[in-house]
Amino acid sequence: METEKLTANIRTVKGKNSMIRLRSQGRVPGIFYGPHYETMSIDIDAVMLKNALARRKPLYQLEITGKGDFEVIFREIQRDPVSEKVQHIDLYGITRGQKITLTIPIKIVGIPVGVRTGGGILEVVRRHVEVECLPKDLPDFIEADVTNIEVGSSIHVGDLKVENLTILLDKKATIAAVVPPTVTKTAVAVTEEAAAAAEGEAAAGEKGEKKEAAPGDKKEAAGKDKKEASAKDKKEAPAKEKK
């Protein structure tokens, strides 16, 4: 593992106003401490710090001017809630030869066969795991090869290939799984529901047309019957006697 190097100065100024002035000069205040080291207030170049954090290394080499070199990890990073710029850092000194516990990212590698040929969906359950190892054996990440996962199958902590470290998690814990394509079933259900709704509207429309036609038909029939009755009355009426 390649170690990222940081350079810091001993910080003599303290207080809120001093911290604001320090940040305006492109420096980030911080503190260095550890079980076997003297606690020191430090400051570091903001650009150097930003670039180092972007590389996401778990372990860093810190050079403090006039104090020497130390292997460190970031214990805390405070950021501005709006700009997200780093406001303060806590660096923890590592003792060489002693094991440390850190959270390491998991890097998903490959495309599952269940996705390529079975139409499944890859679901990543864990993206980080906690490990214990010596500083020299600390990896930047742990690979999880999902190439051979089929639909309904998964990869677990016990399947991860690691050396000289212990993953502090149950071996049966799931890292990633390929699940059936539920989107297709949902789409079919929505289509069937829409079709049923359309049929219901069509049936309601036909019923409405029949109801509207009924009063007109009755009116026309009544008129026809009335005319026929009038003609019959005239025919049956007796002729007036001539005087």
Protein backbone atom coordinates (compact mmCIF):
# COMPACT_ATOMS: atom_id res chain seq x y z
CA MET A 1 0.00 0.00 0.00
CA GLU A 2 1.34 3.40 -1.02
CA THR A 3 1.18 5.94 1.82
CA GLU A 4 0.04 9.50 1.17
CA LYS A 5 2.34 12.11 2.72
CA LEU A 6 1.18 15.19 4.61
CA THR A 7 3.24 18.08 6.02
CA ALA A 8 2.09 20.08 9.04
CA ASN A 9 3.35 22.89 11.24
CA ILE A 10 3.07 23.26 15.00
CA ARG A 11 0.19 25.65 15.68
CA THR A 12 0.78 28.23 18.38
CA VAL A 13 -2.35 30.36 17.92
CA LYS A 14 -5.62 29.42 19.59
CA GLY A 15 -9.10 30.83 19.91
CA LYS A 16 -11.99 31.35 17.48
CA ASN A 17 -10.66 34.53 15.83
CA SER A 18 -7.23 32.98 15.37
CA MET A 19 -8.82 29.94 13.69
CA ILE A 20 -10.78 32.16 11.31
CA ARG A 21 -7.63 34.09 10.40
CA LEU A 22 -5.71 30.83 9.92
CA ARG A 23 -8.33 29.46 7.51
CA SER A 24 -8.34 32.73 5.55
CA GLN A 25 -4.62 32.12 4.97
CA GLY A 26 -5.32 28.74 3.38
CA ARG A 27 -4.46 26.63 6.43
CA VAL A 28 -6.60 24.08 8.27
CA PRO A 29 -6.21 23.72 12.06
CA GLY A 30 -6.00 20.29 13.61
CA ILE A 31 -4.68 18.16 16.42
CA PHE A 32 -2.30 15.18 16.50
CA TYR A 33 -2.47 12.63 19.34
CA GLY A 34 -1.99 8.96 20.15
CA PRO A 35 -1.42 6.54 23.05
CA HIS A 36 2.35 6.80 22.74
CA TYR A 37 2.71 10.36 21.44
CA GLU A 38 2.62 13.89 22.74
CA THR A 39 -0.57 15.74 21.85
CA MET A 40 0.22 18.60 19.46
CA SER A 41 -1.84 21.41 17.89
CA ILE A 42 -1.05 21.59 14.16
CA ASP A 43 -2.11 23.26 10.94
CA ILE A 44 -1.86 21.98 7.37
CA ASP A 45 -2.15 23.46 3.88
CA ALA A 46 -5.82 23.34 2.77
CA VAL A 47 -5.06 22.38 -0.85
CA MET A 48 -2.68 19.59 0.20
CA LEU A 49 -5.30 18.27 2.60
CA LYS A 50 -8.08 18.38 -0.01
CA ASN A 51 -5.99 16.44 -2.54
CA ALA A 52 -4.98 13.86 0.06
CA LEU A 53 -8.56 13.25 1.18
CA ALA A 54 -9.70 12.91 -2.44
CA ARG A 55 -7.45 9.85 -2.81
CA ARG A 56 -9.25 8.16 0.11
CA LYS A 57 -6.23 6.44 1.63
CA PRO A 58 -6.79 4.74 4.99
CA LEU A 59 -3.27 5.48 6.26
CA TYR A 60 -1.13 8.63 5.89
CA GLN A 61 2.46 9.63 6.56
CA LEU A 62 2.54 12.87 8.57
CA GLU A 63 5.63 15.04 8.87
CA ILE A 64 5.39 17.64 11.62
CA THR A 65 8.03 20.34 11.24
CA GLY A 66 10.67 19.95 13.97
CA LYS A 67 8.98 16.87 15.47
CA GLY A 68 9.51 14.03 13.00
CA ASP A 69 7.43 11.60 10.91
CA PHE A 70 4.39 9.66 12.07
CA GLU A 71 1.92 7.18 10.61
CA VAL A 72 -1.57 8.52 11.15
CA ILE A 73 -5.23 7.93 10.39
CA PHE A 74 -8.04 10.49 10.33
CA ARG A 75 -10.16 10.13 13.45
CA GLU A 76 -12.43 13.09 12.73
CA ILE A 77 -12.94 15.59 9.91
CA GLN A 78 -15.13 18.62 10.60
CA ARG A 79 -16.63 20.37 7.57
CA ASP A 80 -18.59 23.57 7.01
CA PRO A 81 -22.27 22.53 6.57
CA VAL A 82 -22.74 24.90 3.62
CA SER A 83 -19.43 24.99 1.71
CA GLU A 84 -18.30 21.53 2.90
CA LYS A 85 -14.78 22.88 3.29
CA VAL A 86 -12.69 21.16 5.97
CA GLN A 87 -12.64 23.24 9.16
CA HIS A 88 -10.69 21.01 11.56
CA ILE A 89 -9.00 17.58 11.60
CA ASP A 90 -8.04 15.03 14.26
CA LEU A 91 -5.05 12.83 13.36
CA TYR A 92 -4.38 9.69 15.38
CA GLY A 93 -0.81 8.44 15.62
CA ILE A 94 -0.30 4.73 14.88
CA THR A 95 2.30 2.68 16.76
CA ARG A 96 4.28 0.49 14.38
CA GLY A 97 4.01 -3.22 15.12
CA GLN A 98 0.62 -2.87 16.81
CA LYS A 99 -2.65 -3.84 15.13
CA ILE A 100 -5.24 -1.20 14.37
CA THR A 101 -8.98 -1.31 13.69
CA LEU A 102 -10.28 0.64 10.69
CA THR A 103 -13.22 0.77 8.30
CA ILE A 104 -12.21 -0.16 4.74
CA PRO A 105 -14.29 0.42 1.58
CA ILE A 106 -15.48 -2.50 -0.56
CA LYS A 107 -14.91 -2.24 -4.31
CA ILE A 108 -17.47 -4.12 -6.40
CA VAL A 109 -15.79 -5.80 -9.41
CA GLY A 110 -17.45 -7.32 -12.48
CA ILE A 111 -20.99 -7.64 -13.85
CA PRO A 112 -23.03 -10.57 -12.44
CA VAL A 113 -24.10 -13.31 -14.84
CA GLY A 114 -27.56 -12.96 -13.35
CA VAL A 115 -27.67 -9.37 -14.60
CA ARG A 116 -26.17 -10.10 -18.03
CA THR A 117 -28.27 -13.12 -18.95
CA GLY A 118 -31.03 -13.36 -16.35
CA GLY A 119 -32.26 -9.78 -16.29
CA GLY A 120 -31.64 -9.55 -12.55
CA ILE A 121 -30.74 -6.48 -10.50
CA LEU A 122 -27.54 -6.16 -8.45
CA GLU A 123 -28.17 -4.92 -4.91
CA VAL A 124 -25.13 -3.87 -2.86
CA VAL A 125 -25.84 -4.42 0.83
CA ARG A 126 -22.49 -3.30 2.31
CA ARG A 127 -19.94 -0.85 0.95
CA HIS A 128 -17.58 -0.84 3.96
CA VAL A 129 -16.28 -3.39 6.45
CA GLU A 130 -14.34 -3.00 9.67
CA VAL A 131 -10.95 -4.77 9.71
CA GLU A 132 -8.09 -5.38 12.12
CA CYS A 133 -4.47 -5.62 10.97
CA LEU A 134 -0.98 -4.18 11.22
CA PRO A 135 -0.53 -0.73 9.62
CA LYS A 136 1.78 -2.16 6.95
CA ASP A 137 -0.90 -4.67 5.85
CA LEU A 138 -3.73 -2.15 5.60
CA PRO A 139 -5.23 -2.14 2.05
CA ASP A 140 -6.85 0.84 0.34
CA PHE A 141 -9.96 -1.29 -0.31
CA ILE A 142 -11.21 -4.88 -0.48
CA GLU A 143 -12.44 -6.26 -3.81
CA ALA A 144 -15.73 -8.15 -4.06
CA ASP A 145 -15.96 -10.06 -7.36
CA VAL A 146 -19.64 -10.45 -8.30
CA THR A 147 -19.08 -11.86 -11.81
CA ASN A 148 -20.44 -15.36 -11.10
CA ILE A 149 -23.50 -14.36 -9.07
CA GLU A 150 -26.77 -15.64 -10.57
CA VAL A 151 -30.33 -14.47 -9.91
CA GLY A 152 -31.26 -15.40 -6.34
CA SER A 153 -27.62 -15.78 -5.25
CA SER A 154 -25.33 -13.54 -3.20
CA ILE A 155 -21.73 -13.01 -2.08
CA HIS A 156 -20.82 -12.94 1.60
CA VAL A 157 -18.01 -11.73 3.85
CA GLY A 158 -16.56 -15.25 3.86
CA ASP A 159 -16.17 -15.07 0.06
CA LEU A 160 -13.87 -12.02 0.18
CA LYS A 161 -10.21 -12.71 -0.53
CA VAL A 162 -8.00 -10.92 2.01
CA GLU A 163 -4.49 -11.37 3.36
CA ASN A 164 -2.94 -10.54 6.74
CA LEU A 165 -6.10 -8.99 8.14
CA THR A 166 -9.27 -9.95 9.96
CA ILE A 167 -12.71 -8.73 8.90
CA LEU A 168 -14.67 -7.95 12.06
CA LEU A 169 -18.00 -9.14 10.71
CA ASP A 170 -19.88 -12.45 10.52
CA LYS A 171 -18.72 -14.52 7.55
CA LYS A 172 -22.35 -15.10 6.56
CA ALA A 173 -23.06 -11.35 6.31
CA THR A 174 -24.17 -10.42 2.79
CA ILE A 175 -22.09 -8.05 0.68
CA ALA A 176 -24.15 -8.06 -2.53
CA ALA A 177 -26.97 -10.05 -4.14
CA VAL A 178 -28.72 -10.40 -7.51
CA VAL A 179 -32.50 -10.19 -7.17
CA PRO A 180 -35.27 -10.91 -9.74
CA PRO A 181 -36.41 -8.03 -11.97
CA THR A 182 -39.36 -6.75 -9.93
CA VAL A 183 -39.79 -3.73 -12.24
CA THR A 184 -41.24 -5.97 -14.99
CA LYS A 185 -43.89 -7.38 -12.66
CA THR A 186 -44.88 -3.91 -11.55
CA ALA A 187 -45.18 -2.72 -15.13
CA VAL A 188 -47.45 -5.69 -16.00
CA ALA A 189 -49.63 -5.00 -12.96
CA VAL A 190 -50.00 -1.35 -13.92
CA THR A 191 -50.88 -2.28 -17.52
CA GLU A 192 -53.53 -4.77 -16.40
CA GLU A 193 -55.01 -2.22 -14.01
CA ALA A 194 -55.15 0.41 -16.76
CA ALA A 195 -56.84 -2.07 -19.13
CA ALA A 196 -59.44 -2.96 -16.49
CA ALA A 197 -60.13 0.72 -15.87
CA ALA A 198 -60.56 1.34 -19.62
CA GLU A 199 -63.02 -1.54 -19.92
CA GLY A 200 -64.98 -0.17 -16.97
CA GLU A 201 -65.22 3.27 -18.57
CA ALA A 202 -66.32 1.77 -21.88
CA ALA A 203 -69.05 -0.27 -20.20
CA ALA A 204 -70.25 2.77 -18.28
CA GLY A 205 -70.39 4.77 -21.54
CA GLU A 206 -72.55 2.17 -23.31
CA LYS A 207 -74.96 2.05 -20.37
CA GLY A 208 -75.27 5.82 -20.39
CA GLU A 209 -76.11 5.88 -24.11
CA LYS A 210 -78.89 3.34 -23.61
CA LYS A 211 -80.45 5.37 -20.79
CA GLU A 212 -80.42 8.55 -22.84
CA ALA A 213 -82.08 6.89 -25.84
CA ALA A 214 -84.95 5.36 -23.81
CA PRO A 215 -86.98 8.57 -23.11
CA GLY A 216 -86.86 9.58 -26.79
CA ASP A 217 -88.02 6.18 -27.95
CA LYS A 218 -90.96 6.27 -25.54
CA LYS A 219 -91.95 9.77 -26.69
CA GLU A 220 -91.91 8.80 -30.36
CA ALA A 221 -93.94 5.66 -29.65
CA ALA A 222 -96.52 7.64 -27.70
CA GLY A 223 -96.88 10.14 -30.53
CA LYS A 224 -97.40 7.37 -33.08
CA ASP A 225 -100.08 5.70 -30.93
CA LYS A 226 -101.91 9.01 -30.52
CA LYS A 227 -102.07 9.64 -34.28
CA GLU A 228 -103.37 6.12 -34.95
CA ALA A 229 -106.08 6.52 -32.31
CA SER A 230 -107.25 9.87 -33.75
CA ALA A 231 -107.58 8.43 -37.24
CA LYS A 232 -109.61 5.51 -35.93
CA ASP A 233 -112.01 7.81 -34.05
CA LYS A 234 -112.74 9.80 -37.17
CA LYS A 235 -113.47 6.66 -39.14
CA GLU A 236 -115.88 5.27 -36.57
CA ALA A 237 -117.77 8.55 -35.93
CA PRO A 238 -121.42 8.45 -37.50
CA ALA A 239 -122.18 10.83 -40.34
CA LYS A 240 -124.47 13.75 -39.56
CA GLU A 241 -128.08 13.42 -40.83
CA LYS A 242 -128.99 15.67 -43.68
CA LYS A 243 -131.94 17.96 -43.02
